[in-house]
Amino acid sequence: VSYGFEDHTRLTDNYDVPEDLISRTPAELVERLLHALDLPPIPPGA
């Protein structure tokens, strides 16, 4: 994730972390992880 202690530019440009692995927001991480685990999305305000 790039919303934590290292930003997107630092992760990609300084450390060559593949952009396809990076979530820019918590919501994006949730969506990415649930999809990887074959779990349905969490409804908004659930």
All heavy atoms as atom14 arrays in JSON, in Angstrom:
{
  "sequence": "VSYGFEDHTRLTDNYDVPEDLISRTPAELVERLLHALDLPPIPPGA",
  "atom14_mask": [
    [1, 1, 1, 1, 1, 1, 1, 0, 0, 0, 0, 0, 0, 0],
    [1, 1, 1, 1, 1, 1, 0, 0, 0, 0, 0, 0, 0, 0],
    [1, 1, 1, 1, 1, 1, 1, 1, 1, 1, 1, 1, 0, 0],
    [1, 1, 1, 1, 0, 0, 0, 0, 0, 0, 0, 0, 0, 0],
    [1, 1, 1, 1, 1, 1, 1, 1, 1, 1, 1, 0, 0, 0],
    [1, 1, 1, 1, 1, 1, 1, 1, 1, 0, 0, 0, 0, 0],
    [1, 1, 1, 1, 1, 1, 1, 1, 0, 0, 0, 0, 0, 0],
    [1, 1, 1, 1, 1, 1, 1, 1, 1, 1, 0, 0, 0, 0],
    [1, 1, 1, 1, 1, 1, 1, 0, 0, 0, 0, 0, 0, 0],
    [1, 1, 1, 1, 1, 1, 1, 1, 1, 1, 1, 0, 0, 0],
    [1, 1, 1, 1, 1, 1, 1, 1, 0, 0, 0, 0, 0, 0],
    [1, 1, 1, 1, 1, 1, 1, 0, 0, 0, 0, 0, 0, 0],
    [1, 1, 1, 1, 1, 1, 1, 1, 0, 0, 0, 0, 0, 0],
    [1, 1, 1, 1, 1, 1, 1, 1, 0, 0, 0, 0, 0, 0],
    [1, 1, 1, 1, 1, 1, 1, 1, 1, 1, 1, 1, 0, 0],
    [1, 1, 1, 1, 1, 1, 1, 1, 0, 0, 0, 0, 0, 0],
    [1, 1, 1, 1, 1, 1, 1, 0, 0, 0, 0, 0, 0, 0],
    [1, 1, 1, 1, 1, 1, 1, 0, 0, 0, 0, 0, 0, 0],
    [1, 1, 1, 1, 1, 1, 1, 1, 1, 0, 0, 0, 0, 0],
    [1, 1, 1, 1, 1, 1, 1, 1, 0, 0, 0, 0, 0, 0],
    [1, 1, 1, 1, 1, 1, 1, 1, 0, 0, 0, 0, 0, 0],
    [1, 1, 1, 1, 1, 1, 1, 1, 0, 0, 0, 0, 0, 0],
    [1, 1, 1, 1, 1, 1, 0, 0, 0, 0, 0, 0, 0, 0],
    [1, 1, 1, 1, 1, 1, 1, 1, 1, 1, 1, 0, 0, 0],
    [1, 1, 1, 1, 1, 1, 1, 0, 0, 0, 0, 0, 0, 0],
    [1, 1, 1, 1, 1, 1, 1, 0, 0, 0, 0, 0, 0, 0],
    [1, 1, 1, 1, 1, 0, 0, 0, 0, 0, 0, 0, 0, 0],
    [1, 1, 1, 1, 1, 1, 1, 1, 1, 0, 0, 0, 0, 0],
    [1, 1, 1, 1, 1, 1, 1, 1, 0, 0, 0, 0, 0, 0],
    [1, 1, 1, 1, 1, 1, 1, 0, 0, 0, 0, 0, 0, 0],
    [1, 1, 1, 1, 1, 1, 1, 1, 1, 0, 0, 0, 0, 0],
    [1, 1, 1, 1, 1, 1, 1, 1, 1, 1, 1, 0, 0, 0],
    [1, 1, 1, 1, 1, 1, 1, 1, 0, 0, 0, 0, 0, 0],
    [1, 1, 1, 1, 1, 1, 1, 1, 0, 0, 0, 0, 0, 0],
    [1, 1, 1, 1, 1, 1, 1, 1, 1, 1, 0, 0, 0, 0],
    [1, 1, 1, 1, 1, 0, 0, 0, 0, 0, 0, 0, 0, 0],
    [1, 1, 1, 1, 1, 1, 1, 1, 0, 0, 0, 0, 0, 0],
    [1, 1, 1, 1, 1, 1, 1, 1, 0, 0, 0, 0, 0, 0],
    [1, 1, 1, 1, 1, 1, 1, 1, 0, 0, 0, 0, 0, 0],
    [1, 1, 1, 1, 1, 1, 1, 0, 0, 0, 0, 0, 0, 0],
    [1, 1, 1, 1, 1, 1, 1, 0, 0, 0, 0, 0, 0, 0],
    [1, 1, 1, 1, 1, 1, 1, 1, 0, 0, 0, 0, 0, 0],
    [1, 1, 1, 1, 1, 1, 1, 0, 0, 0, 0, 0, 0, 0],
    [1, 1, 1, 1, 1, 1, 1, 0, 0, 0, 0, 0, 0, 0],
    [1, 1, 1, 1, 0, 0, 0, 0, 0, 0, 0, 0, 0, 0],
    [1, 1, 1, 1, 1, 0, 0, 0, 0, 0, 0, 0, 0, 0]
  ],
  "atom14_positions": [
    [[0.85, -1.2, 0.0], [0.0, 0.0, 0.0], [0.88, 1.25, 0.0], [1.99, 1.24, 0.56], [-0.95, 0.02, 1.22], [-1.76, -1.26, 1.28], [-0.21, 0.24, 2.52], [0.0, 0.0, 0.0], [0.0, 0.0, 0.0], [0.0, 0.0, 0.0], [0.0, 0.0, 0.0], [0.0, 0.0, 0.0], [0.0, 0.0, 0.0], [0.0, 0.0, 0.0]],
    [[0.38, 2.3, -0.63], [1.16, 3.55, -0.71], [0.52, 4.67, 0.09], [0.89, 5.83, -0.08], [1.33, 3.98, -2.17], [0.06, 4.23, -2.78], [0.0, 0.0, 0.0], [0.0, 0.0, 0.0], [0.0, 0.0, 0.0], [0.0, 0.0, 0.0], [0.0, 0.0, 0.0], [0.0, 0.0, 0.0], [0.0, 0.0, 0.0], [0.0, 0.0, 0.0]],
    [[-0.44, 4.34, 0.97], [-1.02, 5.35, 1.85], [-0.39, 5.31, 3.24], [-0.82, 6.01, 4.14], [-2.54, 5.14, 1.96], [-2.96, 3.77, 2.43], [-2.9, 3.41, 3.78], [-3.42, 2.82, 1.53], [-3.27, 2.15, 4.21], [-3.81, 1.55, 1.95], [-3.73, 1.23, 3.29], [-4.1, -0.03, 3.72], [0.0, 0.0, 0.0], [0.0, 0.0, 0.0]],
    [[0.66, 4.49, 3.41], [1.3, 4.33, 4.71], [2.59, 5.1, 4.83], [2.65, 6.28, 4.52], [0.0, 0.0, 0.0], [0.0, 0.0, 0.0], [0.0, 0.0, 0.0], [0.0, 0.0, 0.0], [0.0, 0.0, 0.0], [0.0, 0.0, 0.0], [0.0, 0.0, 0.0], [0.0, 0.0, 0.0], [0.0, 0.0, 0.0], [0.0, 0.0, 0.0]],
    [[3.66, 4.43, 5.24], [4.91, 5.11, 5.57], [5.78, 5.4, 4.36], [6.79, 6.09, 4.48], [5.69, 4.3, 6.59], [5.2, 4.46, 8.01], [3.93, 4.94, 8.27], [6.01, 4.14, 9.09], [3.46, 5.1, 9.57], [5.55, 4.29, 10.39], [4.28, 4.77, 10.63], [0.0, 0.0, 0.0], [0.0, 0.0, 0.0], [0.0, 0.0, 0.0]],
    [[5.44, 4.86, 3.19], [6.17, 5.17, 1.97], [5.15, 5.43, 0.85], [4.2, 4.65, 0.7], [7.12, 4.04, 1.58], [8.28, 3.92, 2.56], [9.25, 2.8, 2.25], [8.87, 1.83, 1.56], [10.4, 2.87, 2.72], [0.0, 0.0, 0.0], [0.0, 0.0, 0.0], [0.0, 0.0, 0.0], [0.0, 0.0, 0.0], [0.0, 0.0, 0.0]],
    [[5.37, 6.51, 0.1], [4.37, 6.86, -0.91], [4.61, 6.11, -2.22], [5.59, 5.39, -2.39], [4.31, 8.38, -1.12], [5.53, 8.95, -1.83], [6.43, 8.18, -2.21], [5.58, 10.18, -2.01], [0.0, 0.0, 0.0], [0.0, 0.0, 0.0], [0.0, 0.0, 0.0], [0.0, 0.0, 0.0], [0.0, 0.0, 0.0], [0.0, 0.0, 0.0]],
    [[3.69, 6.3, -3.16], [3.72, 5.56, -4.41], [5.0, 5.82, -5.2], [5.62, 4.88, -5.73], [2.48, 5.95, -5.25], [2.26, 5.09, -6.44], [2.85, 5.34, -7.66], [1.52, 3.96, -6.61], [2.48, 4.42, -8.53], [1.67, 3.57, -7.92], [0.0, 0.0, 0.0], [0.0, 0.0, 0.0], [0.0, 0.0, 0.0], [0.0, 0.0, 0.0]],
    [[5.41, 7.07, -5.28], [6.61, 7.41, -6.05], [7.85, 6.77, -5.44], [8.7, 6.23, -6.16], [6.79, 8.94, -6.1], [5.65, 9.53, -6.73], [8.04, 9.31, -6.86], [0.0, 0.0, 0.0], [0.0, 0.0, 0.0], [0.0, 0.0, 0.0], [0.0, 0.0, 0.0], [0.0, 0.0, 0.0], [0.0, 0.0, 0.0], [0.0, 0.0, 0.0]],
    [[7.96, 6.82, -4.12], [9.13, 6.22, -3.46], [9.16, 4.7, -3.69], [10.21, 4.12, -3.97], [9.11, 6.54, -1.98], [10.33, 6.05, -1.22], [10.37, 6.64, 0.19], [11.51, 6.15, 0.94], [12.75, 6.6, 0.81], [13.02, 7.56, -0.06], [13.75, 6.1, 1.53], [0.0, 0.0, 0.0], [0.0, 0.0, 0.0], [0.0, 0.0, 0.0]],
    [[8.02, 4.06, -3.59], [7.96, 2.61, -3.77], [8.32, 2.2, -5.19], [9.06, 1.23, -5.4], [6.56, 2.09, -3.42], [6.18, 2.11, -1.93], [4.68, 1.88, -1.77], [6.96, 1.05, -1.16], [0.0, 0.0, 0.0], [0.0, 0.0, 0.0], [0.0, 0.0, 0.0], [0.0, 0.0, 0.0], [0.0, 0.0, 0.0], [0.0, 0.0, 0.0]],
    [[7.79, 2.94, -6.18], [8.02, 2.55, -7.57], [9.35, 3.05, -8.11], [10.12, 2.28, -8.71], [6.88, 3.06, -8.46], [6.73, 4.48, -8.29], [5.58, 2.37, -8.13], [0.0, 0.0, 0.0], [0.0, 0.0, 0.0], [0.0, 0.0, 0.0], [0.0, 0.0, 0.0], [0.0, 0.0, 0.0], [0.0, 0.0, 0.0], [0.0, 0.0, 0.0]],
    [[9.66, 4.33, -7.9], [10.87, 4.91, -8.5], [12.13, 4.56, -7.72], [13.19, 4.3, -8.32], [10.74, 6.43, -8.58], [9.66, 6.87, -9.57], [9.06, 5.98, -10.21], [9.43, 8.08, -9.7], [0.0, 0.0, 0.0], [0.0, 0.0, 0.0], [0.0, 0.0, 0.0], [0.0, 0.0, 0.0], [0.0, 0.0, 0.0], [0.0, 0.0, 0.0]],
    [[12.06, 4.56, -6.4], [13.26, 4.29, -5.6], [13.52, 2.79, -5.42], [14.66, 2.37, -5.34], [13.14, 4.94, -4.22], [13.18, 6.45, -4.27], [12.59, 7.05, -5.16], [13.85, 7.09, -3.32], [0.0, 0.0, 0.0], [0.0, 0.0, 0.0], [0.0, 0.0, 0.0], [0.0, 0.0, 0.0], [0.0, 0.0, 0.0], [0.0, 0.0, 0.0]],
    [[12.43, 2.02, -5.33], [12.6, 0.61, -4.98], [12.09, -0.37, -6.04], [12.16, -1.59, -5.84], [11.88, 0.32, -3.66], [12.47, 1.05, -2.49], [11.67, 1.87, -1.69], [13.82, 0.94, -2.16], [12.19, 2.55, -0.6], [14.35, 1.62, -1.08], [13.53, 2.41, -0.3], [14.05, 3.09, 0.78], [0.0, 0.0, 0.0], [0.0, 0.0, 0.0]],
    [[11.56, 0.14, -7.14], [11.1, -0.71, -8.24], [10.04, -1.72, -7.82], [9.98, -2.84, -8.35], [12.28, -1.46, -8.87], [13.26, -0.52, -9.56], [12.8, 0.47, -10.17], [14.48, -0.76, -9.48], [0.0, 0.0, 0.0], [0.0, 0.0, 0.0], [0.0, 0.0, 0.0], [0.0, 0.0, 0.0], [0.0, 0.0, 0.0], [0.0, 0.0, 0.0]],
    [[9.18, -1.34, -6.87], [8.04, -2.19, -6.55], [7.06, -2.12, -7.71], [6.7, -1.02, -8.15], [7.35, -1.74, -5.24], [6.11, -2.58, -4.97], [8.32, -1.82, -4.07], [0.0, 0.0, 0.0], [0.0, 0.0, 0.0], [0.0, 0.0, 0.0], [0.0, 0.0, 0.0], [0.0, 0.0, 0.0], [0.0, 0.0, 0.0], [0.0, 0.0, 0.0]],
    [[6.62, -3.25, -8.26], [5.69, -3.21, -9.4], [4.41, -2.45, -9.06], [3.77, -2.71, -8.05], [5.4, -4.7, -9.66], [6.59, -5.42, -9.11], [7.01, -4.63, -7.9], [0.0, 0.0, 0.0], [0.0, 0.0, 0.0], [0.0, 0.0, 0.0], [0.0, 0.0, 0.0], [0.0, 0.0, 0.0], [0.0, 0.0, 0.0], [0.0, 0.0, 0.0]],
    [[4.05, -1.54, -9.94], [2.87, -0.7, -9.69], [1.6, -1.55, -9.57], [0.67, -1.2, -8.85], [2.72, 0.32, -10.81], [1.62, 1.32, -10.57], [1.7, 2.5, -11.53], [2.61, 2.53, -12.38], [0.82, 3.38, -11.42], [0.0, 0.0, 0.0], [0.0, 0.0, 0.0], [0.0, 0.0, 0.0], [0.0, 0.0, 0.0], [0.0, 0.0, 0.0]],
    [[1.57, -2.7, -10.26], [0.38, -3.55, -10.23], [0.12, -4.16, -8.86], [-0.98, -4.67, -8.61], [0.52, -4.67, -11.25], [0.42, -4.17, -12.69], [-0.1, -3.06, -12.88], [0.87, -4.88, -13.6], [0.0, 0.0, 0.0], [0.0, 0.0, 0.0], [0.0, 0.0, 0.0], [0.0, 0.0, 0.0], [0.0, 0.0, 0.0], [0.0, 0.0, 0.0]],
    [[1.11, -4.12, -7.97], [0.95, -4.7, -6.63], [0.55, -3.66, -5.6], [0.29, -4.01, -4.44], [2.25, -5.36, -6.18], [2.76, -6.55, -7.0], [4.09, -7.03, -6.44], [1.74, -7.68, -7.02], [0.0, 0.0, 0.0], [0.0, 0.0, 0.0], [0.0, 0.0, 0.0], [0.0, 0.0, 0.0], [0.0, 0.0, 0.0], [0.0, 0.0, 0.0]],
    [[0.5, -2.39, -5.99], [0.33, -1.3, -5.02], [-1.12, -0.82, -4.97], [-1.72, -0.52, -5.99], [1.26, -0.13, -5.37], [2.73, -0.58, -5.33], [1.04, 1.03, -4.39], [3.71, 0.48, -5.79], [0.0, 0.0, 0.0], [0.0, 0.0, 0.0], [0.0, 0.0, 0.0], [0.0, 0.0, 0.0], [0.0, 0.0, 0.0], [0.0, 0.0, 0.0]],
    [[-1.65, -0.72, -3.75], [-2.96, -0.12, -3.52], [-2.75, 1.29, -2.98], [-2.02, 1.49, -2.0], [-3.76, -0.94, -2.51], [-4.01, -2.24, -3.0], [0.0, 0.0, 0.0], [0.0, 0.0, 0.0], [0.0, 0.0, 0.0], [0.0, 0.0, 0.0], [0.0, 0.0, 0.0], [0.0, 0.0, 0.0], [0.0, 0.0, 0.0], [0.0, 0.0, 0.0]],
    [[-3.39, 2.25, -3.6], [-3.2, 3.65, -3.2], [-4.09, 4.06, -2.02], [-3.82, 5.07, -1.37], [-3.47, 4.58, -4.39], [-2.44, 4.46, -5.52], [-2.84, 5.35, -6.68], [-1.9, 5.3, -7.77], [-0.9, 6.17, -7.96], [-0.73, 7.16, -7.12], [-0.1, 6.05, -9.0], [0.0, 0.0, 0.0], [0.0, 0.0, 0.0], [0.0, 0.0, 0.0]],
    [[-5.15, 3.31, -1.76], [-6.08, 3.66, -0.69], [-6.45, 2.4, 0.08], [-6.34, 1.27, -0.45], [-7.37, 4.28, -1.24], [-8.07, 3.28, -2.01], [-7.07, 5.49, -2.12], [0.0, 0.0, 0.0], [0.0, 0.0, 0.0], [0.0, 0.0, 0.0], [0.0, 0.0, 0.0], [0.0, 0.0, 0.0], [0.0, 0.0, 0.0], [0.0, 0.0, 0.0]],
    [[-6.93, 2.54, 1.33], [-7.42, 1.37, 2.06], [-8.53, 0.64, 1.31], [-8.57, -0.59, 1.3], [-7.92, 1.97, 3.38], [-7.11, 3.21, 3.56], [-6.93, 3.76, 2.18], [0.0, 0.0, 0.0], [0.0, 0.0, 0.0], [0.0, 0.0, 0.0], [0.0, 0.0, 0.0], [0.0, 0.0, 0.0], [0.0, 0.0, 0.0], [0.0, 0.0, 0.0]],
    [[-9.43, 1.39, 0.68], [-10.53, 0.77, -0.06], [-10.01, -0.1, -1.19], [-10.55, -1.19, -1.47], [-11.47, 1.85, -0.61], [0.0, 0.0, 0.0], [0.0, 0.0, 0.0], [0.0, 0.0, 0.0], [0.0, 0.0, 0.0], [0.0, 0.0, 0.0], [0.0, 0.0, 0.0], [0.0, 0.0, 0.0], [0.0, 0.0, 0.0], [0.0, 0.0, 0.0]],
    [[-8.95, 0.35, -1.85], [-8.38, -0.43, -2.94], [-7.74, -1.71, -2.42], [-7.86, -2.77, -3.05], [-7.34, 0.41, -3.69], [-6.84, -0.26, -4.97], [-5.89, 0.62, -5.76], [-5.97, 1.86, -5.61], [-5.07, 0.07, -6.51], [0.0, 0.0, 0.0], [0.0, 0.0, 0.0], [0.0, 0.0, 0.0], [0.0, 0.0, 0.0], [0.0, 0.0, 0.0]],
    [[-7.08, -1.64, -1.27], [-6.51, -2.86, -0.68], [-7.62, -3.86, -0.34], [-7.49, -5.06, -0.61], [-5.7, -2.53, 0.57], [-5.19, -3.76, 1.33], [-4.19, -4.56, 0.49], [-4.55, -3.35, 2.66], [0.0, 0.0, 0.0], [0.0, 0.0, 0.0], [0.0, 0.0, 0.0], [0.0, 0.0, 0.0], [0.0, 0.0, 0.0], [0.0, 0.0, 0.0]],
    [[-8.7, -3.37, 0.27], [-9.82, -4.25, 0.62], [-10.35, -4.95, -0.63], [-10.52, -6.18, -0.64], [-10.94, -3.44, 1.31], [-12.19, -4.31, 1.48], [-10.47, -2.93, 2.67], [0.0, 0.0, 0.0], [0.0, 0.0, 0.0], [0.0, 0.0, 0.0], [0.0, 0.0, 0.0], [0.0, 0.0, 0.0], [0.0, 0.0, 0.0], [0.0, 0.0, 0.0]],
    [[-10.59, -4.18, -1.68], [-11.14, -4.75, -2.91], [-10.17, -5.77, -3.53], [-10.58, -6.86, -3.95], [-11.43, -3.63, -3.91], [-12.08, -4.11, -5.2], [-12.41, -2.97, -6.14], [-12.14, -1.81, -5.8], [-12.96, -3.25, -7.23], [0.0, 0.0, 0.0], [0.0, 0.0, 0.0], [0.0, 0.0, 0.0], [0.0, 0.0, 0.0], [0.0, 0.0, 0.0]],
    [[-8.9, -5.42, -3.57], [-7.89, -6.29, -4.16], [-7.78, -7.61, -3.39], [-7.71, -8.7, -3.97], [-6.55, -5.56, -4.19], [-5.44, -6.29, -4.95], [-4.12, -5.56, -4.75], [-4.14, -4.21, -5.25], [-3.71, -3.85, -6.46], [-3.25, -4.77, -7.29], [-3.74, -2.59, -6.84], [0.0, 0.0, 0.0], [0.0, 0.0, 0.0], [0.0, 0.0, 0.0]],
    [[-7.77, -7.51, -2.07], [-7.58, -8.69, -1.24], [-8.8, -9.61, -1.29], [-8.67, -10.84, -1.41], [-7.28, -8.27, 0.2], [-6.9, -9.37, 1.18], [-5.75, -10.22, 0.66], [-6.53, -8.77, 2.53], [0.0, 0.0, 0.0], [0.0, 0.0, 0.0], [0.0, 0.0, 0.0], [0.0, 0.0, 0.0], [0.0, 0.0, 0.0], [0.0, 0.0, 0.0]],
    [[-9.98, -9.04, -1.19], [-11.19, -9.86, -1.26], [-11.29, -10.58, -2.61], [-11.68, -11.75, -2.68], [-12.43, -8.99, -1.03], [-12.62, -8.43, 0.38], [-13.86, -7.55, 0.43], [-12.72, -9.54, 1.42], [0.0, 0.0, 0.0], [0.0, 0.0, 0.0], [0.0, 0.0, 0.0], [0.0, 0.0, 0.0], [0.0, 0.0, 0.0], [0.0, 0.0, 0.0]],
    [[-10.93, -9.88, -3.68], [-10.94, -10.51, -5.0], [-9.95, -11.66, -5.07], [-10.27, -12.74, -5.6], [-10.63, -9.46, -6.07], [-10.74, -9.99, -7.47], [-9.67, -10.57, -8.11], [-11.78, -10.01, -8.35], [-10.04, -10.93, -9.32], [-11.31, -10.61, -9.5], [0.0, 0.0, 0.0], [0.0, 0.0, 0.0], [0.0, 0.0, 0.0], [0.0, 0.0, 0.0]],
    [[-8.75, -11.46, -4.52], [-7.73, -12.51, -4.53], [-8.17, -13.74, -3.76], [-7.77, -14.87, -4.08], [-6.43, -11.97, -3.95], [0.0, 0.0, 0.0], [0.0, 0.0, 0.0], [0.0, 0.0, 0.0], [0.0, 0.0, 0.0], [0.0, 0.0, 0.0], [0.0, 0.0, 0.0], [0.0, 0.0, 0.0], [0.0, 0.0, 0.0], [0.0, 0.0, 0.0]],
    [[-9.01, -13.54, -2.74], [-9.46, -14.63, -1.88], [-10.83, -15.18, -2.31], [-11.42, -16.0, -1.61], [-9.54, -14.16, -0.43], [-8.21, -13.76, 0.2], [-8.44, -13.08, 1.55], [-7.29, -14.96, 0.35], [0.0, 0.0, 0.0], [0.0, 0.0, 0.0], [0.0, 0.0, 0.0], [0.0, 0.0, 0.0], [0.0, 0.0, 0.0], [0.0, 0.0, 0.0]],
    [[-11.34, -14.7, -3.45], [-12.65, -15.13, -3.97], [-13.77, -14.86, -2.98], [-14.71, -15.67, -2.83], [-12.62, -16.63, -4.32], [-11.67, -16.93, -5.47], [-11.63, -16.14, -6.42], [-10.96, -17.95, -5.39], [0.0, 0.0, 0.0], [0.0, 0.0, 0.0], [0.0, 0.0, 0.0], [0.0, 0.0, 0.0], [0.0, 0.0, 0.0], [0.0, 0.0, 0.0]],
    [[-13.7, -13.71, -2.31], [-14.73, -13.32, -1.36], [-15.53, -12.15, -1.95], [-14.98, -11.3, -2.64], [-14.11, -12.89, -0.03], [-13.39, -13.98, 0.76], [-12.71, -13.39, 1.99], [-14.35, -15.09, 1.16], [0.0, 0.0, 0.0], [0.0, 0.0, 0.0], [0.0, 0.0, 0.0], [0.0, 0.0, 0.0], [0.0, 0.0, 0.0], [0.0, 0.0, 0.0]],
    [[-16.84, -12.09, -1.67], [-17.67, -11.0, -2.2], [-17.31, -9.67, -1.56], [-16.8, -9.63, -0.43], [-19.09, -11.41, -1.83], [-18.93, -12.32, -0.65], [-17.62, -13.05, -0.87], [0.0, 0.0, 0.0], [0.0, 0.0, 0.0], [0.0, 0.0, 0.0], [0.0, 0.0, 0.0], [0.0, 0.0, 0.0], [0.0, 0.0, 0.0], [0.0, 0.0, 0.0]],
    [[-17.56, -8.56, -2.24], [-17.29, -7.23, -1.66], [-18.09, -7.02, -0.39], [-19.16, -7.61, -0.2], [-17.74, -6.26, -2.77], [-17.77, -7.08, -4.02], [-18.12, -8.48, -3.61], [0.0, 0.0, 0.0], [0.0, 0.0, 0.0], [0.0, 0.0, 0.0], [0.0, 0.0, 0.0], [0.0, 0.0, 0.0], [0.0, 0.0, 0.0], [0.0, 0.0, 0.0]],
    [[-17.57, -6.16, 0.48], [-18.28, -5.77, 1.69], [-19.21, -4.62, 1.32], [-18.75, -3.59, 0.84], [-17.31, -5.35, 2.8], [-16.39, -6.52, 3.16], [-18.05, -4.85, 4.03], [-15.26, -6.14, 4.11], [0.0, 0.0, 0.0], [0.0, 0.0, 0.0], [0.0, 0.0, 0.0], [0.0, 0.0, 0.0], [0.0, 0.0, 0.0], [0.0, 0.0, 0.0]],
    [[-20.53, -4.75, 1.54], [-21.46, -3.68, 1.16], [-21.12, -2.38, 1.89], [-20.73, -2.41, 3.06], [-22.83, -4.23, 1.59], [-22.64, -5.7, 1.7], [-21.22, -5.91, 2.12], [0.0, 0.0, 0.0], [0.0, 0.0, 0.0], [0.0, 0.0, 0.0], [0.0, 0.0, 0.0], [0.0, 0.0, 0.0], [0.0, 0.0, 0.0], [0.0, 0.0, 0.0]],
    [[-21.25, -1.24, 1.24], [-21.01, 0.05, 1.91], [-21.9, 0.2, 3.13], [-23.08, -0.11, 3.09], [-21.39, 1.07, 0.83], [-21.25, 0.34, -0.46], [-21.63, -1.08, -0.17], [0.0, 0.0, 0.0], [0.0, 0.0, 0.0], [0.0, 0.0, 0.0], [0.0, 0.0, 0.0], [0.0, 0.0, 0.0], [0.0, 0.0, 0.0], [0.0, 0.0, 0.0]],
    [[-21.29, 0.64, 4.23], [-22.04, 0.85, 5.45], [-22.5, -0.42, 6.12], [-23.43, -0.41, 6.93], [0.0, 0.0, 0.0], [0.0, 0.0, 0.0], [0.0, 0.0, 0.0], [0.0, 0.0, 0.0], [0.0, 0.0, 0.0], [0.0, 0.0, 0.0], [0.0, 0.0, 0.0], [0.0, 0.0, 0.0], [0.0, 0.0, 0.0], [0.0, 0.0, 0.0]],
    [[-21.86, -1.55, 5.79], [-22.29, -2.84, 6.33], [-22.12, -2.9, 7.83], [-22.87, -3.56, 8.53], [-21.52, -3.98, 5.67], [0.0, 0.0, 0.0], [0.0, 0.0, 0.0], [0.0, 0.0, 0.0], [0.0, 0.0, 0.0], [0.0, 0.0, 0.0], [0.0, 0.0, 0.0], [0.0, 0.0, 0.0], [0.0, 0.0, 0.0], [0.0, 0.0, 0.0]]
  ]
}
